[in-house]
Protein backbone atom coordinates (compact mmCIF):
# COMPACT_ATOMS: atom_id res chain seq x y z
CA MET A 1 6.83 17.90 19.53
CA ILE A 2 8.17 20.67 17.37
CA ASP A 3 5.46 22.98 16.05
CA ILE A 4 5.28 22.56 12.26
CA GLN A 5 2.00 24.43 11.82
CA GLY A 6 3.62 27.38 10.02
CA LYS A 7 5.79 25.28 7.70
CA PRO A 8 4.58 24.85 4.13
CA ALA A 9 3.93 21.36 2.83
CA THR A 10 6.42 20.37 0.14
CA ASN A 11 7.20 17.16 -1.70
CA ARG A 12 9.52 15.17 0.55
CA GLU A 13 11.54 12.05 -0.13
CA ALA A 14 14.00 10.09 1.97
CA VAL A 15 16.07 7.02 1.13
CA ALA A 16 17.58 4.86 3.86
CA ARG A 17 19.74 1.73 3.68
CA GLY A 18 20.90 -1.00 5.99
CA ARG A 19 22.51 -4.42 5.82
CA VAL A 20 22.02 -7.85 7.30
CA ARG A 21 25.17 -9.97 7.33
CA MET A 22 24.90 -13.73 7.74
CA SER A 23 26.65 -17.01 7.10
CA ARG A 24 26.97 -18.50 3.63
CA PRO A 25 24.44 -21.29 4.40
CA ALA A 26 21.92 -18.68 5.57
CA ILE A 27 22.39 -16.43 2.53
CA GLU A 28 22.01 -19.48 0.24
CA ALA A 29 18.81 -20.56 2.02
CA LEU A 30 17.47 -17.00 1.85
CA GLU A 31 18.23 -16.70 -1.85
CA SER A 32 16.81 -20.11 -2.76
CA GLY A 33 13.68 -19.70 -0.64
CA ARG A 34 14.54 -22.65 1.64
CA LEU A 35 14.22 -20.87 4.99
CA PRO A 36 12.12 -22.74 7.58
CA LYS A 37 9.80 -19.72 8.01
CA GLY A 38 9.34 -19.10 4.27
CA ASP A 39 10.05 -16.17 1.96
CA ALA A 40 12.00 -13.73 4.12
CA LEU A 41 12.26 -10.96 1.54
CA ALA A 42 8.51 -10.88 0.84
CA CYS A 43 7.81 -10.79 4.59
CA ALA A 44 10.47 -8.15 5.16
CA ARG A 45 9.02 -5.94 2.41
CA VAL A 46 5.54 -6.03 3.95
CA ALA A 47 6.91 -5.58 7.50
CA GLY A 48 8.97 -2.57 6.42
CA ILE A 49 6.04 -0.89 4.69
CA LEU A 50 3.79 -1.47 7.70
CA ALA A 51 6.49 -0.12 10.03
CA ALA A 52 6.89 3.07 7.97
CA LYS A 53 3.15 3.68 8.30
CA ARG A 54 3.38 3.19 12.08
CA THR A 55 6.50 5.30 12.70
CA PRO A 56 4.75 7.93 14.88
CA ASP A 57 3.49 5.10 17.11
CA LEU A 58 7.03 3.81 17.59
CA ILE A 59 9.19 6.95 17.77
CA PRO A 60 8.29 9.50 20.46
CA LEU A 61 7.71 13.05 19.18
CA CYS A 62 7.62 11.95 15.53
CA HIS A 63 4.85 13.74 13.63
CA PRO A 64 2.16 11.62 11.98
CA ILE A 65 2.19 12.44 8.27
CA SER A 66 0.31 11.15 5.28
CA ILE A 67 2.81 8.98 3.43
CA SER A 68 2.17 8.74 -0.30
CA HIS A 69 4.73 6.00 -1.08
CA VAL A 70 6.98 3.47 0.62
CA GLY A 71 9.14 1.20 -1.51
CA ILE A 72 11.59 -1.42 -0.30
CA GLY A 73 14.23 -3.20 -2.34
CA PHE A 74 16.84 -5.83 -1.59
CA GLU A 75 20.23 -6.64 -3.05
CA ILE A 76 21.77 -9.97 -2.09
CA SER A 77 25.55 -10.26 -2.20
CA ARG A 78 26.82 -13.84 -2.12
CA GLU A 79 30.42 -12.59 -1.98
CA ARG A 80 29.86 -10.46 1.15
CA CYS A 81 27.16 -12.78 2.56
CA GLU A 82 24.76 -9.91 3.15
CA VAL A 83 21.49 -8.39 2.09
CA GLU A 84 21.36 -4.65 1.51
CA ILE A 85 17.95 -3.14 2.16
CA GLU A 86 16.87 0.17 0.65
CA ALA A 87 13.67 1.97 1.60
CA THR A 88 12.24 5.07 -0.07
CA ALA A 89 9.51 7.10 1.59
CA ARG A 90 7.59 9.99 0.03
CA ALA A 91 5.03 12.48 1.27
CA HIS A 92 3.68 15.95 0.61
CA ALA A 93 4.09 17.31 4.11
CA PRO A 94 5.52 20.12 6.27
CA THR A 95 8.14 17.76 7.74
CA GLY A 96 10.48 15.13 6.37
CA VAL A 97 10.13 11.37 5.96
CA GLU A 98 13.60 10.30 7.12
CA MET A 99 12.25 8.52 10.18
CA GLU A 100 9.76 6.57 8.08
CA ALA A 101 12.49 5.39 5.71
CA LEU A 102 14.79 4.46 8.60
CA THR A 103 12.01 2.61 10.42
CA ALA A 104 11.16 0.68 7.25
CA VAL A 105 14.79 -0.45 6.87
CA ALA A 106 15.15 -1.35 10.55
CA VAL A 107 12.01 -3.47 10.68
CA ALA A 108 12.75 -5.13 7.33
CA ALA A 109 16.22 -6.01 8.69
CA LEU A 110 14.73 -7.36 11.93
CA THR A 111 12.34 -9.51 9.89
CA ILE A 112 15.17 -10.95 7.80
CA HIS A 113 17.16 -11.64 10.97
CA ASP A 114 14.19 -13.36 12.58
CA MET A 115 13.58 -15.56 9.57
CA CYS A 116 17.28 -16.50 9.17
CA LYS A 117 18.21 -17.00 12.82
CA ALA A 118 17.37 -20.71 12.79
CA ILE A 119 20.23 -21.20 10.32
CA ASP A 120 22.51 -18.41 11.59
CA PRO A 121 21.86 -17.02 15.07
CA SER A 122 24.95 -14.80 14.68
CA ALA A 123 23.50 -12.77 11.79
CA GLU A 124 23.95 -9.06 12.37
CA ILE A 125 22.18 -5.88 11.34
CA THR A 126 24.54 -3.06 10.36
CA GLN A 127 24.85 0.36 8.78
CA ILE A 128 21.30 1.66 9.00
CA ARG A 129 21.48 5.23 7.72
CA VAL A 130 19.81 7.91 5.63
CA VAL A 131 21.54 8.17 2.26
CA ARG A 132 19.44 10.91 0.64
CA LYS A 133 16.65 13.32 1.44
CA SER A 134 14.94 16.06 -0.48
CA GLY A 135 12.24 18.66 -0.02
CA GLY A 136 11.65 21.40 2.48
CA LYS A 137 13.72 24.46 3.23
CA SER A 138 17.04 22.61 3.35
CA GLY A 139 16.60 21.13 -0.14
CA THR A 140 18.48 18.00 -1.17
CA TRP A 141 21.10 16.26 0.94
CA GLU A 142 23.05 13.17 -0.09
CA ARG A 143 25.51 11.07 1.88
CA GLY A 144 28.82 10.54 0.12
CA GLU A 145 29.14 6.76 -0.18
CA SER A 146 31.44 4.61 -2.24
């Protein structure tokens, strides 16, 4: 692990996004709450939050930090037959929270896939990425997205 002992704690925030693409019948079942396993978005929100809290257990050499906030939101697009997931992680720490935000998105996406696969086994998880981070010596960084 990198030694962060000498780094000052600052307010950190990271936002990550990802998408789950699926068939029209699957997106309609997801949106209407008619999936065989139940409410996928509620389950995915809880799974993503739990995953963010467990990031150092999942990612080798990732520092355990005290997370002060994890929020997860979803945007369903009927036109594109996809769900966009956005996770925000915050902490007052000497290192960033990008991995926590990414882990939250990844596990939320896996949960949605798991709950939709009975209707659409070809659903795919795509475009997991950090879109913004702030805090620390490097300040604020934002991905240019359209």
